[in-house]
Amino acid sequence: MNLLTKSWNLLLNDSAVKIRPTKREDRDHIINILRRTSNFTDEEIKVAVELLDSYFANSLDSGYWTYTAELDRVVGYICYGPTPMTSGTFDIYWIAVDPIVQGKHIGTKLLSFAEEDIVRHNGRLITIYTSSQERYGNTRAFYSRRGYREGCRVRDYYKPGDDLVIYVKLTLED
């Protein structure tokens, strides 16, 4: 464990993670987190930034709800919103946590926050789209541990050998 990691561990033990609406000044920090996770391609990061910019341009009507996890600086974010042309279905578009603090439950806190917010907005179904590539294995396991199940798989969706995997979670029991 290096000194930086050790100091983050102390900070996480002594301070609660604050989740708040994303501000314009968070943009560069979020882009930096997306790049440093090493999970996202340049094309994926470009799409994430487009959603952020849409949110900043018109947060109320963009269709994207973006929140930031903060300790003494930005350590993660989540972007979600109602799925167009559905009743009570919401998509989790992006979730990313600074690699320095991954494994410290920040992703869980962000996802739980989004789920609670979705329920407050009468959400009944949450969907998360991801890739079948091995580099997303930890991500898929994270979703499974949080009660999401694989609802659908579309073979070769992104490219040959790279399936679209859609995780789903019902928020209300029938």
N, C-alpha and C. Protein backbone atom coordinates (compact mmCIF):
# COMPACT_ATOMS: atom_id res chain seq x y z
N MET A 1 0.86 -1.18 0.00
CA MET A 1 0.00 0.00 0.00
C MET A 1 0.90 1.23 0.00
N ASN A 2 0.71 2.12 -0.99
CA ASN A 2 1.52 3.33 -1.03
C ASN A 2 0.92 4.40 -0.13
N LEU A 3 1.66 5.48 0.07
CA LEU A 3 1.24 6.55 0.97
C LEU A 3 -0.07 7.18 0.53
N LEU A 4 -0.25 7.38 -0.77
CA LEU A 4 -1.48 7.99 -1.27
C LEU A 4 -2.69 7.10 -0.95
N THR A 5 -2.54 5.81 -1.19
CA THR A 5 -3.63 4.88 -0.88
C THR A 5 -3.91 4.86 0.61
N LYS A 6 -2.85 4.89 1.41
CA LYS A 6 -3.01 4.88 2.87
C LYS A 6 -3.77 6.13 3.33
N SER A 7 -3.44 7.29 2.78
CA SER A 7 -4.13 8.51 3.18
C SER A 7 -5.59 8.47 2.76
N TRP A 8 -5.90 7.89 1.59
CA TRP A 8 -7.30 7.76 1.17
C TRP A 8 -8.05 6.83 2.10
N ASN A 9 -7.41 5.75 2.55
CA ASN A 9 -8.07 4.84 3.48
C ASN A 9 -8.43 5.55 4.77
N LEU A 10 -7.52 6.37 5.28
CA LEU A 10 -7.80 7.14 6.50
C LEU A 10 -8.96 8.10 6.26
N LEU A 11 -8.94 8.77 5.12
CA LEU A 11 -9.99 9.73 4.79
C LEU A 11 -11.34 9.04 4.70
N LEU A 12 -11.37 7.88 4.08
CA LEU A 12 -12.64 7.16 3.95
C LEU A 12 -13.17 6.71 5.31
N ASN A 13 -12.28 6.37 6.23
CA ASN A 13 -12.71 5.95 7.55
C ASN A 13 -13.23 7.12 8.38
N ASP A 14 -12.70 8.31 8.15
CA ASP A 14 -13.03 9.46 8.99
C ASP A 14 -14.09 10.36 8.39
N SER A 15 -14.47 10.15 7.16
CA SER A 15 -15.34 11.11 6.50
C SER A 15 -16.35 10.39 5.61
N ALA A 16 -17.57 10.87 5.64
CA ALA A 16 -18.61 10.28 4.79
C ALA A 16 -18.50 10.82 3.37
N VAL A 17 -18.80 9.97 2.44
CA VAL A 17 -18.85 10.39 1.05
C VAL A 17 -20.11 11.22 0.86
N LYS A 18 -19.95 12.37 0.25
CA LYS A 18 -21.09 13.25 -0.03
C LYS A 18 -21.50 13.02 -1.49
N ILE A 19 -22.78 12.80 -1.72
CA ILE A 19 -23.30 12.68 -3.08
C ILE A 19 -24.16 13.91 -3.34
N ARG A 20 -23.83 14.61 -4.42
CA ARG A 20 -24.50 15.88 -4.72
C ARG A 20 -24.67 16.00 -6.22
N PRO A 21 -25.56 16.92 -6.66
CA PRO A 21 -25.68 17.14 -8.11
C PRO A 21 -24.33 17.55 -8.71
N THR A 22 -24.06 17.07 -9.87
CA THR A 22 -22.81 17.39 -10.55
C THR A 22 -22.81 18.85 -10.98
N LYS A 23 -21.67 19.50 -10.76
CA LYS A 23 -21.50 20.90 -11.15
C LYS A 23 -20.57 20.98 -12.36
N ARG A 24 -20.68 22.08 -13.09
CA ARG A 24 -19.83 22.29 -14.26
C ARG A 24 -18.34 22.12 -13.95
N GLU A 25 -17.94 22.59 -12.79
CA GLU A 25 -16.51 22.51 -12.44
C GLU A 25 -16.06 21.08 -12.15
N ASP A 26 -16.98 20.13 -12.08
CA ASP A 26 -16.64 18.72 -11.90
C ASP A 26 -16.25 18.04 -13.21
N ARG A 27 -16.58 18.67 -14.32
CA ARG A 27 -16.43 18.04 -15.64
C ARG A 27 -15.04 17.46 -15.87
N ASP A 28 -14.00 18.27 -15.69
CA ASP A 28 -12.63 17.80 -15.94
C ASP A 28 -12.24 16.68 -14.98
N HIS A 29 -12.69 16.76 -13.74
CA HIS A 29 -12.39 15.70 -12.77
C HIS A 29 -13.04 14.38 -13.20
N ILE A 30 -14.27 14.46 -13.67
CA ILE A 30 -14.98 13.25 -14.12
C ILE A 30 -14.29 12.66 -15.35
N ILE A 31 -13.91 13.51 -16.29
CA ILE A 31 -13.20 13.01 -17.48
C ILE A 31 -11.91 12.33 -17.07
N ASN A 32 -11.20 12.90 -16.12
CA ASN A 32 -9.96 12.31 -15.62
C ASN A 32 -10.22 10.94 -15.00
N ILE A 33 -11.28 10.82 -14.23
CA ILE A 33 -11.64 9.53 -13.63
C ILE A 33 -11.95 8.51 -14.73
N LEU A 34 -12.74 8.92 -15.71
CA LEU A 34 -13.08 8.01 -16.82
C LEU A 34 -11.82 7.50 -17.52
N ARG A 35 -10.87 8.38 -17.73
CA ARG A 35 -9.61 7.99 -18.40
C ARG A 35 -8.78 7.06 -17.53
N ARG A 36 -8.72 7.36 -16.23
CA ARG A 36 -7.84 6.60 -15.35
C ARG A 36 -8.39 5.23 -14.95
N THR A 37 -9.67 5.00 -15.16
CA THR A 37 -10.20 3.67 -14.83
C THR A 37 -9.66 2.61 -15.78
N SER A 38 -9.19 3.01 -16.94
CA SER A 38 -8.64 2.11 -17.96
C SER A 38 -9.69 1.14 -18.51
N ASN A 39 -10.93 1.31 -18.14
CA ASN A 39 -11.99 0.43 -18.64
C ASN A 39 -12.61 0.98 -19.91
N PHE A 40 -12.66 2.29 -20.04
CA PHE A 40 -13.41 2.91 -21.12
C PHE A 40 -12.51 3.27 -22.29
N THR A 41 -13.03 3.05 -23.49
CA THR A 41 -12.31 3.45 -24.70
C THR A 41 -12.48 4.95 -24.90
N ASP A 42 -11.69 5.52 -25.80
CA ASP A 42 -11.83 6.94 -26.12
C ASP A 42 -13.24 7.25 -26.63
N GLU A 43 -13.79 6.35 -27.43
CA GLU A 43 -15.14 6.54 -27.96
C GLU A 43 -16.18 6.55 -26.84
N GLU A 44 -16.03 5.64 -25.87
CA GLU A 44 -16.95 5.60 -24.74
C GLU A 44 -16.85 6.87 -23.90
N ILE A 45 -15.64 7.33 -23.68
CA ILE A 45 -15.44 8.57 -22.90
C ILE A 45 -16.09 9.74 -23.62
N LYS A 46 -15.95 9.77 -24.93
CA LYS A 46 -16.57 10.84 -25.72
C LYS A 46 -18.09 10.86 -25.51
N VAL A 47 -18.72 9.69 -25.51
CA VAL A 47 -20.17 9.61 -25.28
C VAL A 47 -20.51 10.06 -23.86
N ALA A 48 -19.73 9.64 -22.88
CA ALA A 48 -19.97 10.06 -21.50
C ALA A 48 -19.90 11.58 -21.37
N VAL A 49 -18.94 12.19 -22.04
CA VAL A 49 -18.79 13.64 -22.00
C VAL A 49 -19.97 14.32 -22.70
N GLU A 50 -20.45 13.74 -23.79
CA GLU A 50 -21.63 14.29 -24.47
C GLU A 50 -22.84 14.32 -23.53
N LEU A 51 -23.02 13.26 -22.76
CA LEU A 51 -24.14 13.23 -21.80
C LEU A 51 -23.95 14.27 -20.71
N LEU A 52 -22.72 14.40 -20.21
CA LEU A 52 -22.43 15.43 -19.22
C LEU A 52 -22.74 16.82 -19.77
N ASP A 53 -22.28 17.08 -20.98
CA ASP A 53 -22.50 18.40 -21.58
C ASP A 53 -23.98 18.66 -21.83
N SER A 54 -24.72 17.63 -22.19
CA SER A 54 -26.17 17.79 -22.36
C SER A 54 -26.81 18.14 -21.02
N TYR A 55 -26.37 17.49 -19.97
CA TYR A 55 -26.87 17.78 -18.63
C TYR A 55 -26.55 19.23 -18.24
N PHE A 56 -25.32 19.67 -18.50
CA PHE A 56 -24.94 21.05 -18.15
C PHE A 56 -25.72 22.07 -18.97
N ALA A 57 -26.00 21.76 -20.21
CA ALA A 57 -26.71 22.70 -21.09
C ALA A 57 -28.16 22.89 -20.67
N ASN A 58 -28.77 21.82 -20.16
CA ASN A 58 -30.19 21.91 -19.79
C ASN A 58 -30.51 20.80 -18.81
N SER A 59 -30.03 20.93 -17.59
CA SER A 59 -30.12 19.83 -16.63
C SER A 59 -31.54 19.34 -16.38
N LEU A 60 -32.51 20.23 -16.36
CA LEU A 60 -33.88 19.80 -16.05
C LEU A 60 -34.52 19.02 -17.18
N ASP A 61 -34.21 19.36 -18.41
CA ASP A 61 -34.86 18.72 -19.56
C ASP A 61 -33.94 17.81 -20.37
N SER A 62 -32.72 17.59 -19.92
CA SER A 62 -31.77 16.80 -20.70
C SER A 62 -32.14 15.32 -20.72
N GLY A 63 -32.84 14.86 -19.70
CA GLY A 63 -33.13 13.43 -19.58
C GLY A 63 -32.03 12.68 -18.85
N TYR A 64 -30.97 13.39 -18.47
CA TYR A 64 -29.84 12.79 -17.76
C TYR A 64 -29.74 13.43 -16.39
N TRP A 65 -29.71 12.59 -15.38
CA TRP A 65 -29.55 13.05 -14.00
C TRP A 65 -28.16 12.63 -13.57
N THR A 66 -27.34 13.58 -13.21
CA THR A 66 -25.94 13.31 -12.94
C THR A 66 -25.57 13.76 -11.53
N TYR A 67 -24.98 12.84 -10.78
CA TYR A 67 -24.57 13.12 -9.40
C TYR A 67 -23.12 12.72 -9.21
N THR A 68 -22.48 13.44 -8.30
CA THR A 68 -21.06 13.28 -8.05
C THR A 68 -20.82 12.82 -6.62
N ALA A 69 -19.88 11.90 -6.45
CA ALA A 69 -19.43 11.49 -5.12
C ALA A 69 -18.19 12.31 -4.79
N GLU A 70 -18.18 12.85 -3.59
CA GLU A 70 -17.10 13.76 -3.22
C GLU A 70 -16.62 13.43 -1.81
N LEU A 71 -15.32 13.43 -1.65
CA LEU A 71 -14.71 13.44 -0.33
C LEU A 71 -14.15 14.85 -0.20
N ASP A 72 -12.85 14.99 -0.30
CA ASP A 72 -12.30 16.35 -0.39
C ASP A 72 -12.12 16.76 -1.84
N ARG A 73 -12.47 15.86 -2.75
CA ARG A 73 -12.46 16.11 -4.19
C ARG A 73 -13.40 15.11 -4.83
N VAL A 74 -13.63 15.26 -6.11
CA VAL A 74 -14.51 14.35 -6.85
C VAL A 74 -13.86 12.96 -6.91
N VAL A 75 -14.61 11.93 -6.50
CA VAL A 75 -14.09 10.56 -6.52
C VAL A 75 -14.96 9.61 -7.34
N GLY A 76 -16.07 10.11 -7.89
CA GLY A 76 -16.90 9.27 -8.72
C GLY A 76 -18.14 10.01 -9.18
N TYR A 77 -18.84 9.38 -10.11
CA TYR A 77 -20.10 9.97 -10.56
C TYR A 77 -21.01 8.90 -11.14
N ILE A 78 -22.29 9.26 -11.24
CA ILE A 78 -23.28 8.39 -11.85
C ILE A 78 -24.20 9.24 -12.70
N CYS A 79 -24.59 8.71 -13.84
CA CYS A 79 -25.51 9.38 -14.76
C CYS A 79 -26.63 8.40 -15.07
N TYR A 80 -27.86 8.84 -14.85
CA TYR A 80 -29.02 7.98 -15.10
C TYR A 80 -30.20 8.84 -15.49
N GLY A 81 -31.27 8.21 -15.89
CA GLY A 81 -32.47 8.96 -16.22
C GLY A 81 -33.57 8.08 -16.74
N PRO A 82 -34.76 8.67 -16.89
CA PRO A 82 -35.89 7.90 -17.40
C PRO A 82 -35.65 7.49 -18.86
N THR A 83 -36.05 6.27 -19.17
CA THR A 83 -35.90 5.77 -20.53
C THR A 83 -37.04 6.31 -21.38
N PRO A 84 -36.72 7.00 -22.48
CA PRO A 84 -37.78 7.54 -23.33
C PRO A 84 -38.74 6.45 -23.80
N MET A 85 -40.00 6.82 -23.96
CA MET A 85 -41.06 5.96 -24.49
C MET A 85 -41.36 4.76 -23.60
N THR A 86 -41.08 4.87 -22.29
CA THR A 86 -41.42 3.81 -21.35
C THR A 86 -42.17 4.42 -20.18
N SER A 87 -42.74 3.57 -19.38
CA SER A 87 -43.43 4.01 -18.17
C SER A 87 -42.73 3.39 -16.97
N GLY A 88 -41.95 4.20 -16.27
CA GLY A 88 -41.28 3.73 -15.06
C GLY A 88 -39.98 2.99 -15.26
N THR A 89 -39.44 3.01 -16.47
CA THR A 89 -38.14 2.38 -16.72
C THR A 89 -37.06 3.45 -16.73
N PHE A 90 -35.94 3.15 -16.08
CA PHE A 90 -34.82 4.08 -15.99
C PHE A 90 -33.55 3.36 -16.43
N ASP A 91 -32.68 4.11 -17.08
CA ASP A 91 -31.36 3.60 -17.48
C ASP A 91 -30.30 4.18 -16.57
N ILE A 92 -29.35 3.34 -16.17
CA ILE A 92 -28.10 3.82 -15.56
C ILE A 92 -27.14 3.90 -16.75
N TYR A 93 -26.78 5.12 -17.13
CA TYR A 93 -25.94 5.31 -18.31
C TYR A 93 -24.46 5.15 -18.00
N TRP A 94 -24.02 5.75 -16.90
CA TRP A 94 -22.60 5.73 -16.56
C TRP A 94 -22.44 5.69 -15.05
N ILE A 95 -21.45 4.95 -14.61
CA ILE A 95 -21.01 5.00 -13.23
C ILE A 95 -19.51 4.77 -13.27
N ALA A 96 -18.77 5.63 -12.59
CA ALA A 96 -17.31 5.50 -12.58
C ALA A 96 -16.79 6.00 -11.24
N VAL A 97 -15.77 5.31 -10.74
CA VAL A 97 -15.15 5.64 -9.46
C VAL A 97 -13.65 5.74 -9.67
N ASP A 98 -13.05 6.74 -9.03
CA ASP A 98 -11.60 6.93 -9.10
C ASP A 98 -10.90 5.62 -8.69
N PRO A 99 -9.95 5.15 -9.50
CA PRO A 99 -9.27 3.89 -9.18
C PRO A 99 -8.62 3.89 -7.79
N ILE A 100 -8.22 5.05 -7.29
CA ILE A 100 -7.58 5.12 -5.98
C ILE A 100 -8.53 4.66 -4.87
N VAL A 101 -9.83 4.87 -5.06
CA VAL A 101 -10.79 4.53 -4.01
C VAL A 101 -11.75 3.41 -4.42
N GLN A 102 -11.47 2.74 -5.52
CA GLN A 102 -12.32 1.61 -5.91
C GLN A 102 -12.21 0.52 -4.84
N GLY A 103 -13.31 -0.16 -4.61
CA GLY A 103 -13.35 -1.18 -3.56
C GLY A 103 -13.68 -0.62 -2.19
N LYS A 104 -13.96 0.67 -2.12
CA LYS A 104 -14.29 1.33 -0.84
C LYS A 104 -15.77 1.66 -0.75
N HIS A 105 -16.59 1.02 -1.56
CA HIS A 105 -18.06 1.12 -1.52
C HIS A 105 -18.61 2.44 -2.07
N ILE A 106 -17.78 3.21 -2.74
CA ILE A 106 -18.28 4.46 -3.33
C ILE A 106 -19.22 4.16 -4.49
N GLY A 107 -18.87 3.19 -5.32
CA GLY A 107 -19.76 2.79 -6.40
C GLY A 107 -21.09 2.28 -5.88
N THR A 108 -21.05 1.53 -4.79
CA THR A 108 -22.29 1.04 -4.16
C THR A 108 -23.13 2.20 -3.66
N LYS A 109 -22.48 3.19 -3.05
CA LYS A 109 -23.22 4.36 -2.54
C LYS A 109 -23.85 5.13 -3.69
N LEU A 110 -23.12 5.31 -4.77
CA LEU A 110 -23.68 6.00 -5.94
C LEU A 110 -24.87 5.24 -6.52
N LEU A 111 -24.71 3.94 -6.67
CA LEU A 111 -25.79 3.14 -7.25
C LEU A 111 -27.01 3.12 -6.32
N SER A 112 -26.79 2.99 -5.02
CA SER A 112 -27.90 3.00 -4.06
C SER A 112 -28.62 4.34 -4.09
N PHE A 113 -27.85 5.42 -4.18
CA PHE A 113 -28.45 6.75 -4.26
C PHE A 113 -29.35 6.84 -5.49
N ALA A 114 -28.84 6.39 -6.63
CA ALA A 114 -29.62 6.44 -7.88
C ALA A 114 -30.88 5.59 -7.76
N GLU A 115 -30.74 4.39 -7.20
CA GLU A 115 -31.90 3.51 -7.05
C GLU A 115 -32.98 4.16 -6.18
N GLU A 116 -32.58 4.76 -5.08
CA GLU A 116 -33.55 5.43 -4.19
C GLU A 116 -34.22 6.60 -4.91
N ASP A 117 -33.44 7.35 -5.68
CA ASP A 117 -33.99 8.48 -6.43
C ASP A 117 -34.97 7.99 -7.50
N ILE A 118 -34.61 6.91 -8.15
CA ILE A 118 -35.48 6.33 -9.18
C ILE A 118 -36.81 5.90 -8.56
N VAL A 119 -36.77 5.27 -7.40
CA VAL A 119 -38.00 4.86 -6.71
C VAL A 119 -38.84 6.09 -6.36
N ARG A 120 -38.19 7.17 -5.90
CA ARG A 120 -38.92 8.41 -5.58
C ARG A 120 -39.63 8.97 -6.82
N HIS A 121 -39.10 8.66 -8.00
CA HIS A 121 -39.70 9.14 -9.25
C HIS A 121 -40.54 8.05 -9.91
N ASN A 122 -41.05 7.14 -9.09
CA ASN A 122 -41.95 6.07 -9.56
C ASN A 122 -41.31 5.11 -10.55
N GLY A 123 -40.00 4.95 -10.44
CA GLY A 123 -39.33 3.97 -11.28
C GLY A 123 -39.66 2.56 -10.83
N ARG A 124 -39.87 1.69 -11.79
CA ARG A 124 -40.20 0.30 -11.47
C ARG A 124 -39.16 -0.68 -12.00
N LEU A 125 -38.38 -0.24 -13.01
CA LEU A 125 -37.39 -1.11 -13.63
C LEU A 125 -36.15 -0.29 -13.96
N ILE A 126 -34.99 -0.83 -13.59
CA ILE A 126 -33.71 -0.18 -13.90
C ILE A 126 -32.94 -1.08 -14.85
N THR A 127 -32.39 -0.48 -15.91
CA THR A 127 -31.58 -1.23 -16.86
C THR A 127 -30.18 -0.64 -16.92
N ILE A 128 -29.22 -1.53 -17.13
CA ILE A 128 -27.82 -1.12 -17.29
C ILE A 128 -27.27 -1.90 -18.48
N TYR A 129 -26.76 -1.19 -19.46
CA TYR A 129 -26.17 -1.82 -20.64
C TYR A 129 -24.66 -1.89 -20.45
N THR A 130 -24.08 -3.04 -20.74
CA THR A 130 -22.63 -3.19 -20.65
C THR A 130 -22.15 -4.20 -21.70
N SER A 131 -20.88 -4.38 -21.73
CA SER A 131 -20.22 -5.25 -22.71
C SER A 131 -19.89 -6.60 -22.10
N SER A 132 -19.79 -7.60 -22.95
CA SER A 132 -19.39 -8.94 -22.50
C SER A 132 -17.88 -9.10 -22.45
N GLN A 133 -17.13 -8.08 -22.87
CA GLN A 133 -15.68 -8.21 -22.89
C GLN A 133 -15.14 -8.48 -21.48
N GLU A 134 -14.04 -9.21 -21.42
CA GLU A 134 -13.44 -9.59 -20.15
C GLU A 134 -13.12 -8.38 -19.27
N ARG A 135 -12.71 -7.28 -19.88
CA ARG A 135 -12.35 -6.10 -19.07
C ARG A 135 -13.53 -5.55 -18.30
N TYR A 136 -14.75 -5.97 -18.64
CA TYR A 136 -15.95 -5.56 -17.91
C TYR A 136 -16.41 -6.63 -16.92
N GLY A 137 -15.61 -7.65 -16.71
CA GLY A 137 -15.99 -8.73 -15.79
C GLY A 137 -16.26 -8.25 -14.38
N ASN A 138 -15.38 -7.40 -13.85
CA ASN A 138 -15.59 -6.86 -12.50
C ASN A 138 -16.85 -6.00 -12.44
N THR A 139 -17.10 -5.27 -13.50
CA THR A 139 -18.30 -4.43 -13.56
C THR A 139 -19.56 -5.29 -13.53
N ARG A 140 -19.58 -6.35 -14.32
CA ARG A 140 -20.75 -7.23 -14.34
C ARG A 140 -20.94 -7.90 -12.98
N ALA A 141 -19.84 -8.29 -12.34
CA ALA A 141 -19.93 -8.90 -11.00
C ALA A 141 -20.47 -7.88 -9.99
N PHE A 142 -20.05 -6.63 -10.11
CA PHE A 142 -20.55 -5.56 -9.24
C PHE A 142 -22.07 -5.46 -9.36
N TYR A 143 -22.58 -5.43 -10.58
CA TYR A 143 -24.03 -5.33 -10.78
C TYR A 143 -24.75 -6.55 -10.19
N SER A 144 -24.21 -7.73 -10.41
CA SER A 144 -24.83 -8.95 -9.89
C SER A 144 -24.89 -8.93 -8.36
N ARG A 145 -23.81 -8.48 -7.72
CA ARG A 145 -23.79 -8.41 -6.25
C ARG A 145 -24.82 -7.42 -5.71
N ARG A 146 -25.23 -6.49 -6.53
CA ARG A 146 -26.20 -5.48 -6.10
C ARG A 146 -27.62 -5.82 -6.54
N GLY A 147 -27.85 -7.06 -6.88
CA GLY A 147 -29.20 -7.52 -7.15
C GLY A 147 -29.67 -7.40 -8.59
N TYR A 148 -28.79 -7.03 -9.49
CA TYR A 148 -29.15 -6.97 -10.90
C TYR A 148 -28.96 -8.36 -11.50
N ARG A 149 -29.81 -8.69 -12.46
CA ARG A 149 -29.66 -9.97 -13.14
C ARG A 149 -29.54 -9.71 -14.64
N GLU A 150 -28.90 -10.63 -15.31
CA GLU A 150 -28.79 -10.50 -16.76
C GLU A 150 -30.17 -10.74 -17.37
N GLY A 151 -30.72 -9.70 -17.96
CA GLY A 151 -32.05 -9.79 -18.54
C GLY A 151 -32.04 -10.14 -20.01
N CYS A 152 -30.92 -9.81 -20.66
CA CYS A 152 -30.86 -10.01 -22.11
C CYS A 152 -29.41 -9.96 -22.55
N ARG A 153 -29.13 -10.71 -23.60
CA ARG A 153 -27.79 -10.67 -24.20
C ARG A 153 -27.99 -10.67 -25.71
N VAL A 154 -27.36 -9.72 -26.37
CA VAL A 154 -27.44 -9.63 -27.83
C VAL A 154 -26.05 -9.94 -28.37
N ARG A 155 -25.92 -11.07 -29.00
CA ARG A 155 -24.63 -11.54 -29.52
C ARG A 155 -24.06 -10.57 -30.55
N ASP A 156 -22.76 -10.36 -30.46
CA ASP A 156 -22.00 -9.58 -31.45
C ASP A 156 -22.56 -8.17 -31.65
N TYR A 157 -23.18 -7.60 -30.65
CA TYR A 157 -23.83 -6.29 -30.76
C TYR A 157 -22.82 -5.18 -31.04
N TYR A 158 -21.78 -5.10 -30.22
CA TYR A 158 -20.80 -4.03 -30.39
C TYR A 158 -19.85 -4.31 -31.54
N LYS A 159 -19.46 -5.56 -31.64
CA LYS A 159 -18.59 -6.04 -32.72
C LYS A 159 -18.54 -7.56 -32.58
N PRO A 160 -18.05 -8.27 -33.57
CA PRO A 160 -17.98 -9.72 -33.44
C PRO A 160 -17.24 -10.12 -32.15
N GLY A 161 -17.88 -10.96 -31.36
CA GLY A 161 -17.28 -11.42 -30.11
C GLY A 161 -17.54 -10.51 -28.92
N ASP A 162 -18.25 -9.42 -29.11
CA ASP A 162 -18.53 -8.47 -28.02
C ASP A 162 -20.04 -8.27 -27.92
N ASP A 163 -20.63 -9.00 -26.98
CA ASP A 163 -22.08 -8.97 -26.81
C ASP A 163 -22.52 -7.76 -25.99
N LEU A 164 -23.75 -7.33 -26.23
CA LEU A 164 -24.43 -6.39 -25.35
C LEU A 164 -25.06 -7.22 -24.24
N VAL A 165 -24.79 -6.85 -22.98
CA VAL A 165 -25.40 -7.51 -21.84
C VAL A 165 -26.24 -6.46 -21.12
N ILE A 166 -27.52 -6.74 -20.98
CA ILE A 166 -28.42 -5.80 -20.31
C ILE A 166 -28.78 -6.38 -18.95
N TYR A 167 -28.39 -5.65 -17.91
CA TYR A 167 -28.74 -6.03 -16.54
C TYR A 167 -30.02 -5.30 -16.16
N VAL A 168 -30.87 -5.98 -15.40
CA VAL A 168 -32.15 -5.39 -14.99
C VAL A 168 -32.38 -5.61 -13.50
N LYS A 169 -33.14 -4.68 -12.93
CA LYS A 169 -33.53 -4.81 -11.53
C LYS A 169 -34.91 -4.18 -11.38
N LEU A 170 -35.83 -4.93 -10.80
CA LEU A 170 -37.15 -4.40 -10.48
C LEU A 170 -37.05 -3.67 -9.15
N THR A 171 -37.63 -2.48 -9.09
CA THR A 171 -37.57 -1.71 -7.85
C THR A 171 -38.77 -1.98 -6.96
N LEU A 172 -39.85 -2.42 -7.55
CA LEU A 172 -41.07 -2.71 -6.80
C LEU A 172 -41.47 -4.14 -7.05
N GLU A 173 -41.81 -4.83 -6.00
CA GLU A 173 -42.27 -6.22 -6.16
C GLU A 173 -43.72 -6.21 -6.61
N ASP A 174 -44.04 -7.08 -7.55
CA ASP A 174 -45.43 -7.20 -8.03
C ASP A 174 -46.30 -7.86 -6.99
